[in-house]
Amino acid sequence: MEHLELFFKSIFIDNMVFATFLGMCSYLAVSKKVSTAVGLGAAVIFVLAVTVPINWLLDQYLLRPGGLSWLGAEYADYDLSFLSFIMFIATIATMVQLVEIIVEKFAPALYNSLGIFLPLIAVNCAILGGSLFMQSREIPTLGQSLVYGIGSGIGWFLAILAIAAIREKIRYSQVPGPLRGLGITFIITGLMAIGFMSFGGMLTGGDDEEKKETPKEEAKKITEEQDKKLATTTKEITK
């Protein structure tokens, strides 16, 4: 159940594009055609699915304070957390190079259409953000880190696929001159982000109801206490 909840939460509620607006450069530049958006989205899913679990292992057994304790008691005091960014980016760059080689070998047309944005996945803030969010949220197991990586990749894939489909349709629409291009794209992205925010109620709706009921009960108790104090004061004045 935890894996399923984390999977859907990473896709809809904590979507990389609509919740944190990460990876916007490639999201805007490669979303003019659905075909290129699908190719880049698939590459992002693969990179996130591989790098997040690998970086989880690095964080658990190498980077966090005391992570080297498995080597012996004399290494328990070592803290290599200052190497987190370097190690995470090195892992991401390695996987991106692998993806670039595979795409160039088996899909040269897609490789040419993606252009510079395929190797730029290595410095895509959405890819690095997946590993950093995994670290900051303290995901407890390797399996959950894999689920989180795949879910985050699918969320980014859905975002770029949706905007690409809309932008293809907009070409035949009468968009006002000043809004053509990135202007209308930003507006649509904002509206889509508002729509994705509604998914937050899927997991927090019950908690919100409980939180709403508690203040009402507290306010009622305060009112009753104030009424008792007022009645007591009135009696004393009357005497």
Protein backbone atom coordinates (compact mmCIF):
# COMPACT_ATOMS: atom_id res chain seq x y z
CA MET A 1 0.00 0.00 0.00
CA GLU A 2 2.86 2.38 0.82
CA HIS A 3 4.45 1.74 -2.58
CA LEU A 4 1.17 2.39 -4.40
CA GLU A 5 0.53 5.57 -2.43
CA LEU A 6 4.05 6.84 -3.09
CA PHE A 7 3.71 5.98 -6.79
CA PHE A 8 0.50 7.97 -7.35
CA LYS A 9 1.66 10.79 -5.09
CA SER A 10 4.88 11.26 -7.08
CA ILE A 11 2.90 11.32 -10.35
CA PHE A 12 -0.02 13.58 -9.52
CA ILE A 13 0.51 15.41 -6.22
CA ASP A 14 4.29 15.98 -6.22
CA ASN A 15 4.57 16.27 -10.00
CA MET A 16 8.03 17.54 -10.97
CA VAL A 17 6.67 20.12 -13.42
CA PHE A 18 3.35 21.22 -11.94
CA ALA A 19 4.22 21.07 -8.23
CA THR A 20 7.87 22.17 -8.15
CA PHE A 21 8.35 23.51 -11.75
CA LEU A 22 11.58 21.56 -12.27
CA GLY A 23 12.87 20.70 -15.74
CA MET A 24 11.09 23.63 -17.38
CA CYS A 25 13.80 24.33 -19.98
CA SER A 26 13.45 21.01 -21.80
CA TYR A 27 9.71 20.93 -20.97
CA LEU A 28 9.19 24.12 -22.97
CA ALA A 29 11.76 23.52 -25.71
CA VAL A 30 10.98 19.91 -26.67
CA SER A 31 7.17 20.04 -26.34
CA LYS A 32 6.40 21.34 -29.83
CA LYS A 33 5.77 17.82 -31.19
CA VAL A 34 4.26 14.80 -29.46
CA SER A 35 6.82 12.43 -31.03
CA THR A 36 9.84 14.24 -29.58
CA ALA A 37 8.04 14.73 -26.25
CA VAL A 38 7.42 10.98 -25.99
CA GLY A 39 11.07 10.21 -26.73
CA LEU A 40 12.45 12.65 -24.19
CA GLY A 41 9.84 11.63 -21.61
CA ALA A 42 10.79 7.97 -21.97
CA ALA A 43 14.47 8.89 -21.55
CA VAL A 44 13.66 10.85 -18.37
CA ILE A 45 11.68 7.91 -16.94
CA PHE A 46 14.61 5.57 -17.56
CA VAL A 47 17.20 7.95 -16.07
CA LEU A 48 15.11 8.64 -12.96
CA ALA A 49 14.25 4.95 -12.50
CA VAL A 50 17.96 4.06 -12.51
CA THR A 51 19.62 7.04 -10.82
CA VAL A 52 17.27 7.46 -7.84
CA PRO A 53 17.83 3.89 -6.49
CA ILE A 54 21.59 4.09 -7.18
CA ASN A 55 21.81 7.44 -5.40
CA TRP A 56 19.74 5.96 -2.54
CA LEU A 57 22.40 3.27 -2.11
CA LEU A 58 25.16 5.89 -2.23
CA ASP A 59 23.35 8.01 0.34
CA GLN A 60 22.70 5.10 2.69
CA TYR A 61 26.09 3.39 2.58
CA LEU A 62 28.51 6.16 1.69
CA LEU A 63 27.38 9.77 1.98
CA ARG A 64 25.31 10.20 5.14
CA PRO A 65 27.01 10.63 8.56
CA GLY A 66 27.98 7.17 9.81
CA GLY A 67 27.23 5.61 6.45
CA LEU A 68 30.64 3.94 6.32
CA SER A 69 30.05 2.03 9.55
CA TRP A 70 29.60 -1.16 7.50
CA LEU A 71 33.37 -1.01 6.83
CA GLY A 72 34.17 -1.09 10.52
CA ALA A 73 33.81 0.86 13.75
CA GLU A 74 36.79 3.08 12.92
CA TYR A 75 34.88 4.49 9.89
CA ALA A 76 31.66 5.27 11.77
CA ASP A 77 32.63 8.90 12.44
CA TYR A 78 33.28 9.77 8.81
CA ASP A 79 30.85 12.23 7.17
CA LEU A 80 30.95 12.41 3.36
CA SER A 81 27.65 14.27 2.93
CA PHE A 82 29.51 17.20 1.33
CA LEU A 83 30.06 14.93 -1.70
CA SER A 84 26.32 14.42 -2.30
CA PHE A 85 25.96 16.80 -5.25
CA ILE A 86 29.12 15.54 -6.96
CA MET A 87 28.22 11.86 -6.57
CA PHE A 88 24.58 12.36 -7.61
CA ILE A 89 25.52 14.34 -10.73
CA ALA A 90 28.22 11.80 -11.64
CA THR A 91 25.66 8.98 -11.47
CA ILE A 92 23.16 10.97 -13.52
CA ALA A 93 25.77 11.90 -16.16
CA THR A 94 26.78 8.25 -16.52
CA MET A 95 23.20 7.11 -17.09
CA VAL A 96 22.52 9.96 -19.53
CA GLN A 97 25.55 8.97 -21.59
CA LEU A 98 24.17 5.42 -21.71
CA VAL A 99 20.77 6.71 -22.86
CA GLU A 100 22.38 8.93 -25.48
CA ILE A 101 24.36 6.00 -26.92
CA ILE A 102 21.25 3.78 -27.05
CA VAL A 103 19.04 6.45 -28.67
CA GLU A 104 21.69 7.35 -31.24
CA LYS A 105 22.15 3.66 -32.11
CA PHE A 106 18.51 2.54 -32.36
CA ALA A 107 16.58 5.79 -33.06
CA PRO A 108 18.78 8.23 -35.00
CA ALA A 109 15.78 10.32 -36.12
CA LEU A 110 14.72 10.87 -32.52
CA TYR A 111 18.34 11.58 -31.58
CA ASN A 112 18.54 14.33 -34.22
CA SER A 113 15.18 15.83 -33.24
CA LEU A 114 16.09 16.01 -29.55
CA GLY A 115 19.40 17.65 -30.38
CA ILE A 116 21.28 19.21 -27.49
CA PHE A 117 18.46 18.55 -25.01
CA LEU A 118 19.24 14.83 -24.76
CA PRO A 119 22.74 15.26 -23.25
CA LEU A 120 21.36 18.18 -21.21
CA ILE A 121 19.30 15.67 -19.21
CA ALA A 122 22.48 15.33 -17.15
CA VAL A 123 21.98 18.88 -15.83
CA ASN A 124 18.18 18.76 -15.88
CA CYS A 125 17.06 19.99 -12.47
CA ALA A 126 14.16 17.50 -12.50
CA ILE A 127 16.60 14.58 -12.61
CA LEU A 128 18.77 15.94 -9.82
CA GLY A 129 15.64 17.01 -7.93
CA GLY A 130 14.42 13.40 -7.87
CA SER A 131 17.55 12.28 -6.03
CA LEU A 132 17.58 15.29 -3.69
CA PHE A 133 13.88 14.87 -2.82
CA MET A 134 14.55 11.17 -2.18
CA GLN A 135 17.31 12.20 0.23
CA SER A 136 15.40 15.01 1.98
CA ARG A 137 12.22 12.95 2.41
CA GLU A 138 14.26 10.07 3.84
CA ILE A 139 12.69 7.33 1.74
CA PRO A 140 13.35 4.24 3.88
CA THR A 141 13.86 1.38 1.40
CA LEU A 142 15.45 0.69 -1.97
CA GLY A 143 12.11 -0.52 -3.34
CA GLN A 144 10.37 2.72 -2.42
CA SER A 145 13.18 4.74 -4.00
CA LEU A 146 12.68 2.78 -7.23
CA VAL A 147 8.93 3.43 -7.09
CA TYR A 148 9.55 7.10 -6.43
CA GLY A 149 11.98 7.37 -9.35
CA ILE A 150 9.59 5.67 -11.78
CA GLY A 151 6.62 7.69 -10.53
CA SER A 152 8.47 11.00 -10.80
CA GLY A 153 9.56 10.11 -14.34
CA ILE A 154 6.02 9.18 -15.37
CA GLY A 155 4.76 12.45 -13.87
CA TRP A 156 7.25 14.45 -15.93
CA PHE A 157 6.39 12.35 -18.99
CA LEU A 158 2.66 13.06 -18.61
CA ALA A 159 3.34 16.78 -18.20
CA ILE A 160 5.43 17.14 -21.37
CA LEU A 161 3.12 14.83 -23.34
CA ALA A 162 0.05 16.85 -22.35
CA ILE A 163 1.58 20.22 -23.21
CA ALA A 164 2.92 18.85 -26.52
CA ALA A 165 -0.53 17.59 -27.54
CA ILE A 166 -2.09 20.93 -26.61
CA ARG A 167 0.57 22.94 -28.47
CA GLU A 168 -0.01 20.89 -31.61
CA LYS A 169 -3.73 21.71 -31.45
CA ILE A 170 -3.08 25.39 -30.69
CA ARG A 171 -1.39 25.82 -34.07
CA TYR A 172 -4.83 25.75 -35.67
CA SER A 173 -6.40 28.08 -33.09
CA GLN A 174 -6.72 31.84 -33.22
CA VAL A 175 -4.38 32.80 -30.38
CA PRO A 176 -3.90 36.57 -29.85
CA GLY A 177 -0.61 37.79 -31.28
CA PRO A 178 1.10 38.81 -28.01
CA LEU A 179 0.33 35.39 -26.46
CA ARG A 180 1.59 33.20 -29.28
CA GLY A 181 4.50 30.89 -28.51
CA LEU A 182 5.74 30.76 -24.92
CA GLY A 183 3.08 33.17 -23.64
CA ILE A 184 0.13 30.86 -24.15
CA THR A 185 2.33 27.88 -23.14
CA PHE A 186 3.00 29.44 -19.73
CA ILE A 187 -0.69 30.18 -19.24
CA ILE A 188 -1.68 26.60 -20.13
CA THR A 189 1.03 25.23 -17.83
CA GLY A 190 -0.30 27.33 -14.95
CA LEU A 191 -3.86 26.11 -15.56
CA MET A 192 -2.68 22.51 -15.72
CA ALA A 193 -0.76 23.01 -12.47
CA ILE A 194 -3.96 24.23 -10.80
CA GLY A 195 -5.73 21.12 -12.06
CA PHE A 196 -3.01 18.82 -10.70
CA MET A 197 -3.23 20.59 -7.31
CA SER A 198 -6.74 19.17 -6.96
CA PHE A 199 -5.24 15.68 -6.70
CA GLY A 200 -3.85 16.69 -3.30
CA GLY A 201 -7.25 15.91 -1.80
CA MET A 202 -6.87 12.24 -2.77
CA LEU A 203 -4.58 11.56 0.20
CA THR A 204 -5.24 14.51 2.51
CA GLY A 205 -9.02 14.93 2.33
CA GLY A 206 -9.77 12.89 5.45
CA ASP A 207 -7.04 14.61 7.46
CA ASP A 208 -8.32 18.03 6.46
CA GLU A 209 -11.82 17.18 7.69
CA GLU A 210 -10.42 16.14 11.05
CA LYS A 211 -8.36 19.32 11.25
CA LYS A 212 -11.45 21.40 10.46
CA GLU A 213 -13.49 19.72 13.18
CA THR A 214 -10.90 20.21 15.92
CA PRO A 215 -10.85 24.05 15.84
CA LYS A 216 -14.66 24.10 15.95
CA GLU A 217 -14.68 21.98 19.09
CA GLU A 218 -11.99 24.15 20.68
CA ALA A 219 -13.91 27.33 19.81
CA LYS A 220 -17.08 25.83 21.31
CA LYS A 221 -15.27 25.01 24.56
CA ILE A 222 -13.79 28.51 24.74
CA THR A 223 -17.25 30.03 24.19
CA GLU A 224 -18.76 27.87 26.95
CA GLU A 225 -15.99 28.89 29.37
CA GLN A 226 -16.51 32.55 28.52
CA ASP A 227 -20.28 32.19 29.11
CA LYS A 228 -19.63 30.61 32.53
CA LYS A 229 -17.21 33.39 33.50
CA LEU A 230 -19.72 36.03 32.35
CA ALA A 231 -22.52 34.40 34.36
CA THR A 232 -20.30 34.25 37.46
CA THR A 233 -19.31 37.92 37.08
CA THR A 234 -22.98 38.93 36.63
CA LYS A 235 -23.98 37.13 39.83
CA GLU A 236 -21.20 38.83 41.80
CA ILE A 237 -22.23 42.26 40.51
CA THR A 238 -25.88 41.58 41.37
CA LYS A 239 -24.98 40.64 44.93
